[in-house]
Amino acid sequence: MRINQLLQDIAPTKFDLTVKGLCLHSQHIQPGDVFIALKGDKTHGMDYIDQAINKGCVAVLIDSKDLECNVPTIRIDNLTDHLPTIAKTFYTKASNVETIGVTGTNGKTSVAFFISQLLNKLGTNCGLIGTLGIANNSQQSNNTTPDIITLYRALDEYAQNDINTVVLEISSHALAQNRIEGLNITQAVFTNFSQDHLDYHQTLEQYKSEKLKLFQLGSLKNVVLNADDTSFTDFNAASGNATKFNYSLNDFEDIKTTEYGFIVQLNDYVFEVPFLGEFNLMNILSAYNTLKACGFTDEQIIPLLHQLNPPPGRMQKNAQQLIWIDYAHTPDAIEKAIATLQAHYPEHNIRVIFGCGGDRDKSKRAKMGKITSKLADTIILTNDNPRSEDPQAIIDDILSGTDDSYEVIITENRQIAIENAIITLGEEECLLIAGKGHETTQIFNHETLESNDNDMVLAAIIEAARLKKIKNKQR
C-alpha cells in the first residue's frame, strides 16, 4: 500500500512511498515498515526514532512537533485516536478473523489455551494470542493483549495463512485503551473477577467497568459466563441480547479428588482431569461451554477434555517431586493455589515462595501476606519483578499483612530462595513457587535479567541430589 492511500482520510500527504507494515515498537521494525512514534511513550516513542530508522523504517508518524529525520516524517494530531483507523485501513484482513475474547482477573491464559487446543483437535485451525505470546506467528508482544497495531498485524498474518479463528486474551488495560476496536469479536468469555491492577484503574468499580466493555460489543453472538462468580449478575446484564452459556461447578454430577487431579462426571460422561485445582475444573467448564457456543456437541467435546494440557507456569508440576510453579500474583489466585495443594495433599505441609511486582498495585501486597500466613506452613519471601522499586520495601509491604507470630524467611535472590527451599524440602512437604510462572526474565529498574523458575527448579533438584549423595557417602 502507498502511504498517501493509507493516510488519505486522516492526514493527506505529498509523500508517495510503499508501506510494507506498521509498527509501534522500534525493536520490532522490519525493513519497509512505518514507525508510529507516540508522544509520551517512554519505551517506544519519540526517543526511539533513530533506532527505527536504523532498522529500516521508511517513514515516521508523529503527533508532536515536526522533526528533521533521514526519512519522511508525517505529523498527525491526536495520533493515538487514529490508530484503529490506520490499523484497519492497512491490515484489511484482520477484521475478517472470527475472534473469541477471554477476560477475567485469573484464568484467562488457561481458558484460552484450552479453547485453542479443543478447536485444533476438532479440526478448526486456530490461532492464539495472549500472555504466552502470539502462537504460530512472527509477531511478538510483551503484553497480555498486544497494542492495536501489533494485534491487527498478527490477525492479518493469521488470515493470510488461512487461520480464520483466533482465541484472544483481553486485559482490562486493552479495553481501557481501545486496543480491540474494530475487531470481529463474536464470542466473549468471563472467567472471574477479583482485585488486580488498581495501580492503573484506581478502584475495583473502574476495573470492572473496563472488563464489562467486552460484553457490550455489538459484534457479540454468544457469551460464556461464570455463574459462580460474585460479579456474574453484572456481566450477565452487560451481555444484552447475546446468547448466554452459563457454567457452574455444580454442572459436574460428581467430583472425586485424587493425588493427580480429579475424576469427574459431566452429562453422564466420566473422565479424569489430569491437573489440580477446582479453579481448573472451572477453566475446563469455560472452555467446554465455549466449544458448545461454537456449535460442537458433547459427543465431540467431552471425550477430548481429559487430553487437555495446562499452559506453562500454571500449576506446573515437576515430574519427580511435589513442586509446583504457578503464575499466581493476586490475592485470590495465591489463595486458590495454596488451597488446591491442601485439598490434594491434606497430610503435607505447604511451603510458598513468592514476591510482588514493583510499580504495580501496592494494596494487594499486604493481602497476599495475610493469606499466605494464614494458609501456608512456611513462607519464603523473595523478589518477583521489583522494577524501579526497592525490593526490601516491597517485602516490607507484604510483611505488613502477615501475622506477627509467623516466621517468614526472607531471601531476596530468587534463585537462592528456590535452591534453599528445594534442598531442605521434606518428604511430607509441598512447595509452591508463585508469581512468575512462564516468565523468562526478571526486571530490576532498567536491567532485565534472564530468569526462569522452571530452570532454577531443575538446577536446584540436581544440586539437592548431589548434596544427598555426598551426605550418604559420609555416613
Protein backbone atom coordinates (compact mmCIF):
# COMPACT_ATOMS: atom_id res chain seq x y z
CA MET A 1 0.00 0.00 0.00
CA ARG A 2 1.16 3.55 -0.73
CA ILE A 3 1.41 5.87 2.26
CA ASN A 4 -0.83 8.51 0.69
CA GLN A 5 -3.55 5.84 0.36
CA LEU A 6 -3.07 4.80 3.98
CA LEU A 7 -3.47 8.34 5.29
CA GLN A 8 -5.83 9.88 2.74
CA ASP A 9 -8.73 10.20 5.22
CA ILE A 10 -6.56 11.28 8.16
CA ALA A 11 -3.63 13.39 7.00
CA PRO A 12 -3.23 13.79 3.22
CA THR A 13 0.46 13.81 2.39
CA LYS A 14 2.69 14.70 -0.54
CA PHE A 15 4.86 11.69 0.12
CA ASP A 16 4.42 8.68 -2.15
CA LEU A 17 6.18 5.55 -0.99
CA THR A 18 5.37 1.89 -0.42
CA VAL A 19 4.49 0.74 3.08
CA LYS A 20 5.13 -2.91 3.94
CA GLY A 21 3.97 -2.80 7.55
CA LEU A 22 3.19 -0.69 10.63
CA CYS A 23 4.97 -0.84 13.96
CA LEU A 24 4.78 0.91 17.35
CA HIS A 25 7.91 -0.74 18.75
CA SER A 26 11.25 0.26 17.30
CA GLN A 27 12.93 -3.06 18.15
CA HIS A 28 10.34 -4.93 16.07
CA ILE A 29 10.73 -2.78 12.95
CA GLN A 30 11.18 -4.66 9.69
CA PRO A 31 12.53 -3.03 6.52
CA GLY A 32 9.74 -1.16 4.77
CA ASP A 33 7.69 -0.51 7.93
CA VAL A 34 6.27 2.81 9.03
CA PHE A 35 7.25 3.61 12.62
CA ILE A 36 4.47 5.18 14.72
CA ALA A 37 6.15 7.29 17.39
CA LEU A 38 3.55 8.12 20.04
CA LYS A 39 4.01 11.18 22.21
CA GLY A 40 4.62 10.27 25.85
CA ASP A 41 5.59 6.65 25.14
CA LYS A 42 8.78 6.39 27.20
CA THR A 43 9.57 2.88 25.98
CA HIS A 44 8.95 3.01 22.25
CA GLY A 45 8.10 6.59 21.26
CA MET A 46 9.91 9.68 20.05
CA ASP A 47 13.24 8.79 21.64
CA TYR A 48 13.47 5.64 19.51
CA ILE A 49 13.08 7.16 16.05
CA ASP A 50 16.79 6.80 15.21
CA GLN A 51 16.68 3.13 16.21
CA ALA A 52 13.66 2.58 13.99
CA ILE A 53 15.37 4.30 11.05
CA ASN A 54 18.49 2.18 11.55
CA LYS A 55 16.33 -0.94 11.38
CA GLY A 56 14.84 0.10 8.06
CA CYS A 57 11.64 2.08 8.61
CA VAL A 58 10.65 4.15 5.55
CA ALA A 59 8.63 6.85 7.33
CA VAL A 60 7.67 8.04 10.81
CA LEU A 61 4.26 9.16 12.03
CA ILE A 62 4.44 11.66 14.90
CA ASP A 63 1.94 13.63 16.96
CA SER A 64 4.22 16.33 18.31
CA LYS A 65 6.49 18.96 16.84
CA ASP A 66 7.90 18.43 13.36
CA LEU A 67 11.24 16.66 13.23
CA GLU A 68 14.14 16.55 10.81
CA CYS A 69 14.86 12.89 10.03
CA ASN A 70 16.53 10.85 7.34
CA VAL A 71 13.10 9.52 6.33
CA PRO A 72 9.80 11.36 5.77
CA THR A 73 8.00 12.38 8.97
CA ILE A 74 4.26 13.00 8.95
CA ARG A 75 2.57 14.83 11.78
CA ILE A 76 -0.91 13.69 12.79
CA ASP A 77 -2.59 15.50 15.68
CA ASN A 78 -4.07 13.13 18.30
CA LEU A 79 -2.28 10.24 16.63
CA THR A 80 -3.38 7.71 19.26
CA ASP A 81 -7.04 8.34 18.41
CA HIS A 82 -6.36 7.46 14.77
CA LEU A 83 -4.60 4.14 15.43
CA PRO A 84 -7.74 1.98 14.92
CA THR A 85 -8.42 3.58 11.52
CA ILE A 86 -4.77 3.30 10.44
CA ALA A 87 -4.58 -0.32 11.55
CA LYS A 88 -7.85 -1.33 9.88
CA THR A 89 -7.00 0.51 6.66
CA PHE A 90 -3.66 -1.24 6.26
CA TYR A 91 -4.41 -4.68 7.73
CA THR A 92 -7.63 -5.23 5.84
CA LYS A 93 -7.97 -8.94 6.57
CA ALA A 94 -7.70 -8.64 10.36
CA SER A 95 -11.34 -7.78 10.93
CA ASN A 96 -12.42 -10.87 8.97
CA VAL A 97 -10.91 -13.19 11.58
CA GLU A 98 -13.57 -14.56 13.94
CA THR A 99 -12.24 -13.81 17.40
CA ILE A 100 -13.10 -15.37 20.76
CA GLY A 101 -12.25 -12.91 23.54
CA VAL A 102 -11.40 -14.22 27.01
CA THR A 103 -11.30 -11.88 30.01
CA GLY A 104 -11.22 -12.11 33.79
CA THR A 105 -8.82 -11.46 36.63
CA ASN A 106 -7.46 -15.02 36.71
CA GLY A 107 -7.66 -17.98 34.36
CA LYS A 108 -7.51 -16.13 31.02
CA THR A 109 -4.39 -17.93 29.84
CA SER A 110 -5.56 -21.41 30.84
CA VAL A 111 -9.04 -20.96 29.35
CA ALA A 112 -7.70 -19.52 26.09
CA PHE A 113 -5.12 -22.33 25.93
CA PHE A 114 -7.82 -24.99 26.48
CA ILE A 115 -10.19 -23.47 23.89
CA SER A 116 -7.41 -23.34 21.31
CA GLN A 117 -6.42 -26.97 21.97
CA LEU A 118 -10.01 -28.19 21.65
CA LEU A 119 -10.68 -26.26 18.45
CA ASN A 120 -7.50 -27.59 16.85
CA LYS A 121 -8.34 -31.16 17.92
CA LEU A 122 -11.76 -30.74 16.31
CA GLY A 123 -10.34 -29.61 13.00
CA THR A 124 -10.57 -25.81 13.34
CA ASN A 125 -7.18 -24.29 12.56
CA CYS A 126 -7.00 -21.82 15.42
CA GLY A 127 -4.66 -19.02 16.42
CA LEU A 128 -3.87 -17.97 20.00
CA ILE A 129 -2.83 -14.55 21.30
CA GLY A 130 -2.20 -13.76 24.96
CA THR A 131 0.17 -13.81 27.90
CA LEU A 132 2.23 -16.60 26.35
CA GLY A 133 2.72 -14.62 23.13
CA ILE A 134 1.33 -14.95 19.61
CA ALA A 135 1.25 -18.61 18.63
CA ASN A 136 2.49 -19.69 15.17
CA ASN A 137 3.09 -16.09 14.20
CA SER A 138 6.14 -13.94 13.52
CA GLN A 139 4.84 -11.10 15.70
CA GLN A 140 5.64 -10.86 19.40
CA SER A 141 4.08 -8.97 22.30
CA ASN A 142 5.11 -8.25 25.87
CA ASN A 143 1.53 -7.62 26.98
CA THR A 144 -1.41 -9.94 27.64
CA THR A 145 -3.19 -8.17 24.78
CA PRO A 146 -0.83 -6.60 22.21
CA ASP A 147 -1.06 -2.97 21.19
CA ILE A 148 -3.61 -2.37 18.46
CA ILE A 149 -1.06 -2.24 15.63
CA THR A 150 0.65 -5.49 16.65
CA LEU A 151 -2.75 -7.10 17.16
CA TYR A 152 -4.08 -6.13 13.74
CA ARG A 153 -0.81 -7.16 12.12
CA ALA A 154 -0.93 -10.59 13.82
CA LEU A 155 -4.57 -11.19 12.88
CA ASP A 156 -3.90 -10.14 9.29
CA GLU A 157 -1.00 -12.59 9.12
CA TYR A 158 -3.20 -15.35 10.54
CA ALA A 159 -5.80 -14.63 7.84
CA GLN A 160 -3.15 -14.78 5.12
CA ASN A 161 -2.25 -18.24 6.42
CA ASP A 162 -5.89 -19.39 6.29
CA ILE A 163 -6.34 -19.23 10.07
CA ASN A 164 -9.73 -17.57 10.45
CA THR A 165 -10.44 -18.27 14.13
CA VAL A 166 -8.34 -16.79 16.94
CA VAL A 167 -8.64 -17.01 20.71
CA LEU A 168 -7.57 -13.71 22.27
CA GLU A 169 -6.86 -12.92 25.91
CA ILE A 170 -8.27 -9.46 26.56
CA SER A 171 -6.97 -7.48 29.51
CA SER A 172 -8.63 -4.56 31.27
CA HIS A 173 -5.79 -2.33 30.03
CA ALA A 174 -6.58 -3.32 26.44
CA LEU A 175 -10.25 -2.47 26.93
CA ALA A 176 -9.44 0.86 28.57
CA GLN A 177 -7.06 1.75 25.72
CA ASN A 178 -9.36 0.63 22.87
CA ARG A 179 -6.84 -1.92 21.58
CA ILE A 180 -9.59 -4.22 20.27
CA GLU A 181 -11.60 -1.57 18.42
CA GLY A 182 -13.00 -2.79 15.10
CA LEU A 183 -12.20 -6.48 15.60
CA ASN A 184 -14.68 -9.21 14.73
CA ILE A 185 -15.19 -10.48 18.30
CA THR A 186 -18.14 -12.84 18.11
CA GLN A 187 -17.77 -14.59 21.47
CA ALA A 188 -16.79 -13.27 24.91
CA VAL A 189 -15.78 -15.43 27.86
CA PHE A 190 -15.82 -14.30 31.52
CA THR A 191 -13.66 -16.35 33.93
CA ASN A 192 -13.87 -14.46 37.25
CA PHE A 193 -13.39 -11.09 38.92
CA SER A 194 -11.23 -10.10 41.91
CA GLN A 195 -8.68 -7.43 42.84
CA ASP A 196 -5.85 -6.58 40.47
CA HIS A 197 -4.40 -3.63 38.55
CA LEU A 198 -5.61 -0.96 40.98
CA ASP A 199 -2.38 0.92 40.28
CA TYR A 200 -3.91 1.62 36.86
CA HIS A 201 -7.69 1.59 37.41
CA GLN A 202 -7.65 3.09 40.94
CA THR A 203 -10.89 1.42 42.06
CA LEU A 204 -12.49 -2.01 41.73
CA GLU A 205 -15.55 -0.35 40.21
CA GLN A 206 -13.50 1.22 37.42
CA TYR A 207 -11.60 -2.04 36.88
CA LYS A 208 -14.89 -3.91 36.49
CA SER A 209 -16.38 -1.28 34.20
CA GLU A 210 -13.48 -1.79 31.78
CA LYS A 211 -14.00 -5.57 31.83
CA LEU A 212 -17.71 -5.10 31.15
CA LYS A 213 -16.96 -3.26 27.89
CA LEU A 214 -16.12 -6.57 26.21
CA PHE A 215 -19.65 -7.86 26.87
CA GLN A 216 -21.26 -4.73 25.48
CA LEU A 217 -19.80 -5.13 21.98
CA GLY A 218 -22.37 -5.13 19.20
CA SER A 219 -20.47 -7.85 17.33
CA LEU A 220 -21.11 -10.49 20.02
CA LYS A 221 -23.24 -13.51 19.19
CA ASN A 222 -22.50 -15.60 22.29
CA VAL A 223 -21.15 -15.07 25.79
CA VAL A 224 -19.82 -17.66 28.23
CA LEU A 225 -20.22 -16.62 31.89
CA ASN A 226 -19.04 -17.99 35.24
CA ALA A 227 -22.30 -18.22 37.19
CA ASP A 228 -20.43 -18.98 40.45
CA ASP A 229 -18.62 -15.63 40.49
CA THR A 230 -19.99 -12.85 42.69
CA SER A 231 -19.89 -10.48 39.69
CA PHE A 232 -21.91 -12.80 37.44
CA THR A 233 -25.04 -10.59 37.62
CA ASP A 234 -23.12 -7.56 36.32
CA PHE A 235 -21.60 -9.44 33.39
CA ASN A 236 -24.87 -11.16 32.60
CA ALA A 237 -26.68 -7.82 32.49
CA ALA A 238 -23.98 -6.25 30.33
CA SER A 239 -24.29 -9.03 27.74
CA GLY A 240 -27.63 -7.80 26.43
CA ASN A 241 -29.18 -9.98 23.75
CA ALA A 242 -26.18 -12.23 23.13
CA THR A 243 -26.90 -15.95 23.60
CA LYS A 244 -25.68 -16.92 27.07
CA PHE A 245 -23.85 -20.10 28.05
CA ASN A 246 -23.52 -20.04 31.84
CA TYR A 247 -21.44 -22.54 33.78
CA SER A 248 -21.07 -23.59 37.42
CA LEU A 249 -19.08 -26.16 39.37
CA ASN A 250 -22.47 -27.75 40.06
CA ASP A 251 -22.58 -28.76 36.39
CA PHE A 252 -20.48 -31.75 37.35
CA GLU A 253 -22.69 -34.56 38.61
CA ASP A 254 -19.77 -35.93 40.63
CA ILE A 255 -16.24 -34.82 41.57
CA LYS A 256 -13.65 -37.07 43.22
CA THR A 257 -10.33 -35.54 44.25
CA THR A 258 -7.20 -37.59 43.54
CA GLU A 259 -3.50 -37.01 44.13
CA TYR A 260 -3.08 -36.11 40.47
CA GLY A 261 -6.31 -34.25 39.73
CA PHE A 262 -9.96 -35.30 39.64
CA ILE A 263 -12.34 -37.96 38.41
CA VAL A 264 -15.50 -36.15 37.31
CA GLN A 265 -18.87 -36.87 35.76
CA LEU A 266 -20.32 -34.41 33.27
CA ASN A 267 -23.55 -35.11 31.37
CA ASP A 268 -23.19 -38.86 32.06
CA TYR A 269 -19.56 -38.92 30.85
CA VAL A 270 -16.98 -39.99 33.44
CA PHE A 271 -13.38 -38.90 32.81
CA GLU A 272 -10.13 -37.86 34.50
CA VAL A 273 -8.94 -34.27 34.77
CA PRO A 274 -5.14 -34.60 34.91
CA PHE A 275 -4.30 -31.45 36.88
CA LEU A 276 -5.04 -29.90 40.24
CA GLY A 277 -7.44 -27.24 41.50
CA GLU A 278 -11.16 -26.59 41.41
CA PHE A 279 -10.31 -23.42 39.50
CA ASN A 280 -9.05 -25.68 36.71
CA LEU A 281 -12.38 -27.50 36.74
CA MET A 282 -13.99 -24.11 36.20
CA ASN A 283 -11.49 -23.35 33.41
CA ILE A 284 -12.43 -26.63 31.71
CA LEU A 285 -16.14 -25.81 32.01
CA SER A 286 -15.44 -22.41 30.49
CA ALA A 287 -13.68 -23.97 27.51
CA TYR A 288 -16.32 -26.70 27.17
CA ASN A 289 -19.14 -24.12 27.04
CA THR A 290 -17.21 -22.02 24.52
CA LEU A 291 -16.99 -25.04 22.22
CA LYS A 292 -20.73 -25.62 22.74
CA ALA A 293 -21.29 -22.00 21.71
CA CYS A 294 -19.24 -22.72 18.57
CA GLY A 295 -21.75 -25.43 17.67
CA PHE A 296 -19.89 -28.58 18.74
CA THR A 297 -21.69 -31.36 20.61
CA ASP A 298 -21.00 -33.22 23.86
CA GLU A 299 -20.06 -36.27 21.81
CA GLN A 300 -17.35 -34.23 20.10
CA ILE A 301 -16.07 -32.19 23.07
CA ILE A 302 -16.20 -34.25 26.25
CA PRO A 303 -14.03 -37.18 25.09
CA LEU A 304 -11.25 -34.65 24.46
CA LEU A 305 -11.32 -32.94 27.87
CA HIS A 306 -9.04 -35.47 29.58
CA GLN A 307 -6.44 -34.89 26.84
CA LEU A 308 -6.00 -31.19 27.65
CA ASN A 309 -2.57 -29.93 28.69
CA PRO A 310 -2.15 -26.95 31.02
CA PRO A 311 -0.20 -23.94 29.76
CA PRO A 312 3.38 -23.42 31.01
CA GLY A 313 3.64 -21.99 34.50
CA ARG A 314 0.04 -22.70 35.53
CA MET A 315 0.15 -25.19 38.43
CA GLN A 316 3.03 -26.76 36.52
CA LYS A 317 4.29 -29.77 38.49
CA ASN A 318 7.81 -31.11 38.49
CA ALA A 319 7.67 -34.70 37.28
CA GLN A 320 9.57 -36.24 40.21
CA GLN A 321 8.83 -34.06 43.22
CA LEU A 322 5.95 -32.23 44.90
CA ILE A 323 6.98 -28.86 43.48
CA TRP A 324 4.64 -26.57 41.54
CA ILE A 325 5.25 -23.37 39.59
CA ASP A 326 2.27 -21.06 39.22
CA TYR A 327 1.67 -17.58 37.86
CA ALA A 328 -0.48 -16.64 40.88
CA HIS A 329 0.17 -12.95 41.54
CA THR A 330 -3.14 -11.78 43.03
CA PRO A 331 -4.65 -12.44 46.47
CA ASP A 332 -7.39 -14.61 45.00
CA ALA A 333 -5.01 -16.63 42.82
CA ILE A 334 -2.46 -17.39 45.53
CA GLU A 335 -5.22 -18.35 47.97
CA LYS A 336 -6.66 -20.80 45.46
CA ALA A 337 -3.24 -22.24 44.63
CA ILE A 338 -2.42 -22.96 48.28
CA ALA A 339 -5.90 -24.29 49.00
CA THR A 340 -5.53 -26.59 45.98
CA LEU A 341 -2.39 -28.21 47.39
CA GLN A 342 -4.07 -28.58 50.78
CA ALA A 343 -7.04 -30.32 49.17
CA HIS A 344 -4.95 -32.76 47.14
CA TYR A 345 -2.23 -33.32 49.78
CA PRO A 346 -4.01 -32.93 53.14
CA GLU A 347 -1.24 -34.67 55.11
CA HIS A 348 1.56 -32.47 53.77
CA ASN A 349 2.94 -29.14 54.92
CA ILE A 350 2.90 -26.36 52.34
CA ARG A 351 5.86 -24.09 51.62
CA VAL A 352 5.27 -20.99 49.47
CA ILE A 353 7.87 -18.86 47.71
CA PHE A 354 6.57 -15.57 46.34
CA GLY A 355 7.11 -11.83 45.99
CA CYS A 356 5.15 -8.96 44.42
CA GLY A 357 5.88 -6.90 41.34
CA GLY A 358 7.19 -3.38 41.66
CA ASP A 359 5.38 -0.39 40.12
CA ARG A 360 2.11 -2.30 40.35
CA ASP A 361 -0.90 -2.45 42.68
CA LYS A 362 0.62 -1.97 46.15
CA SER A 363 -2.63 -2.59 48.01
CA LYS A 364 -2.60 -6.32 47.23
CA ARG A 365 0.78 -6.95 48.88
CA ALA A 366 -0.39 -6.99 52.50
CA LYS A 367 -3.42 -9.03 51.48
CA MET A 368 -1.19 -11.66 49.91
CA GLY A 369 0.94 -11.69 53.05
CA LYS A 370 -2.13 -12.20 55.21
CA ILE A 371 -3.47 -15.02 53.03
CA THR A 372 -0.20 -16.92 52.86
CA SER A 373 0.49 -16.63 56.58
CA LYS A 374 -3.00 -17.94 57.26
CA LEU A 375 -2.82 -20.91 54.88
CA ALA A 376 0.83 -21.89 54.33
CA ASP A 377 3.10 -23.62 56.83
CA THR A 378 6.23 -21.80 55.63
CA ILE A 379 6.62 -18.54 53.70
CA ILE A 380 9.76 -17.59 51.80
CA LEU A 381 9.63 -14.02 50.52
CA THR A 382 11.78 -13.17 47.52
CA ASN A 383 11.94 -10.86 44.53
CA ASP A 384 9.36 -11.00 41.76
CA ASN A 385 9.96 -8.16 39.27
CA PRO A 386 10.97 -5.23 41.51
CA ARG A 387 11.23 -2.86 38.55
CA SER A 388 12.03 0.64 39.86
CA GLU A 389 11.04 -0.07 43.49
CA ASP A 390 13.31 -1.02 46.37
CA PRO A 391 12.98 -4.82 46.77
CA GLN A 392 13.06 -4.56 50.56
CA ALA A 393 10.23 -2.01 50.53
CA ILE A 394 8.08 -4.47 48.56
CA ILE A 395 8.86 -7.22 51.05
CA ASP A 396 8.02 -4.88 53.93
CA ASP A 397 4.62 -4.20 52.35
CA ILE A 398 3.95 -7.95 52.20
CA LEU A 399 5.15 -8.43 55.79
CA SER A 400 2.72 -5.77 57.00
CA GLY A 401 -0.09 -8.24 56.35
CA THR A 402 1.44 -11.32 57.95
CA ASP A 403 0.74 -12.44 61.49
CA ASP A 404 3.40 -11.10 63.89
CA SER A 405 3.92 -14.55 65.34
CA TYR A 406 4.51 -16.11 61.94
CA GLU A 407 8.10 -16.84 61.00
CA VAL A 408 8.94 -15.66 57.49
CA ILE A 409 12.15 -16.49 55.62
CA ILE A 410 13.45 -13.61 53.50
CA THR A 411 15.82 -14.35 50.62
CA GLU A 412 15.76 -11.58 48.03
CA ASN A 413 17.71 -13.56 45.42
CA ARG A 414 15.02 -15.69 43.78
CA GLN A 415 17.42 -18.38 42.58
CA ILE A 416 18.92 -18.85 46.04
CA ALA A 417 15.45 -18.86 47.61
CA ILE A 418 14.32 -21.65 45.28
CA GLU A 419 17.54 -23.62 45.71
CA ASN A 420 17.45 -23.46 49.52
CA ALA A 421 13.77 -24.42 49.64
CA ILE A 422 14.28 -27.47 47.44
CA ILE A 423 17.44 -28.65 49.16
CA THR A 424 15.67 -28.57 52.54
CA LEU A 425 12.26 -29.80 51.31
CA GLY A 426 10.97 -32.63 53.48
CA GLU A 427 9.29 -35.80 52.22
CA GLU A 428 5.93 -34.66 53.63
CA GLU A 429 6.09 -31.16 52.15
CA CYS A 430 4.79 -29.49 49.01
CA LEU A 431 6.47 -26.42 47.51
CA LEU A 432 4.59 -23.72 45.61
CA ILE A 433 6.68 -21.19 43.68
CA ALA A 434 4.28 -18.39 42.83
CA GLY A 435 4.18 -15.17 40.86
CA LYS A 436 6.23 -15.53 37.68
CA GLY A 437 5.02 -18.76 36.11
CA HIS A 438 6.18 -18.97 32.49
CA GLU A 439 8.24 -15.75 32.56
CA THR A 440 11.84 -15.97 31.40
CA THR A 441 13.15 -12.63 32.66
CA GLN A 442 13.34 -10.63 35.89
CA ILE A 443 13.18 -6.83 35.82
CA PHE A 444 15.30 -4.69 38.16
CA ASN A 445 14.95 -0.96 37.50
CA HIS A 446 16.40 -0.60 33.98
CA GLU A 447 18.06 -4.03 33.94
CA THR A 448 16.36 -7.14 32.62
CA LEU A 449 17.97 -10.45 33.55
CA GLU A 450 17.35 -13.97 32.33
CA SER A 451 15.30 -15.75 34.98
CA ASN A 452 13.18 -18.87 34.60
CA ASP A 453 11.59 -20.56 37.62
CA ASN A 454 11.45 -23.94 35.90
CA ASP A 455 15.15 -23.87 35.01
CA MET A 456 16.00 -22.86 38.57
CA VAL A 457 13.90 -25.72 39.96
CA LEU A 458 15.65 -28.27 37.75
CA ALA A 459 19.10 -26.93 38.71
CA ALA A 460 18.17 -26.98 42.42
CA ILE A 461 16.93 -30.58 42.19
CA ILE A 462 20.26 -31.63 40.66
CA GLU A 463 22.14 -29.79 43.42
CA ALA A 464 19.95 -31.36 46.12
CA ALA A 465 20.69 -34.82 44.69
CA ARG A 466 24.41 -34.07 44.63
CA LEU A 467 24.43 -32.96 48.26
CA LYS A 468 22.39 -36.01 49.29
CA LYS A 469 24.90 -38.29 47.56
CA ILE A 470 27.80 -36.62 49.37
CA LYS A 471 25.97 -36.92 52.70
CA ASN A 472 25.30 -40.62 52.14
CA LYS A 473 28.99 -41.27 51.37
CA GLN A 474 29.99 -39.57 54.63
CA ARG A 475 27.85 -41.93 56.70
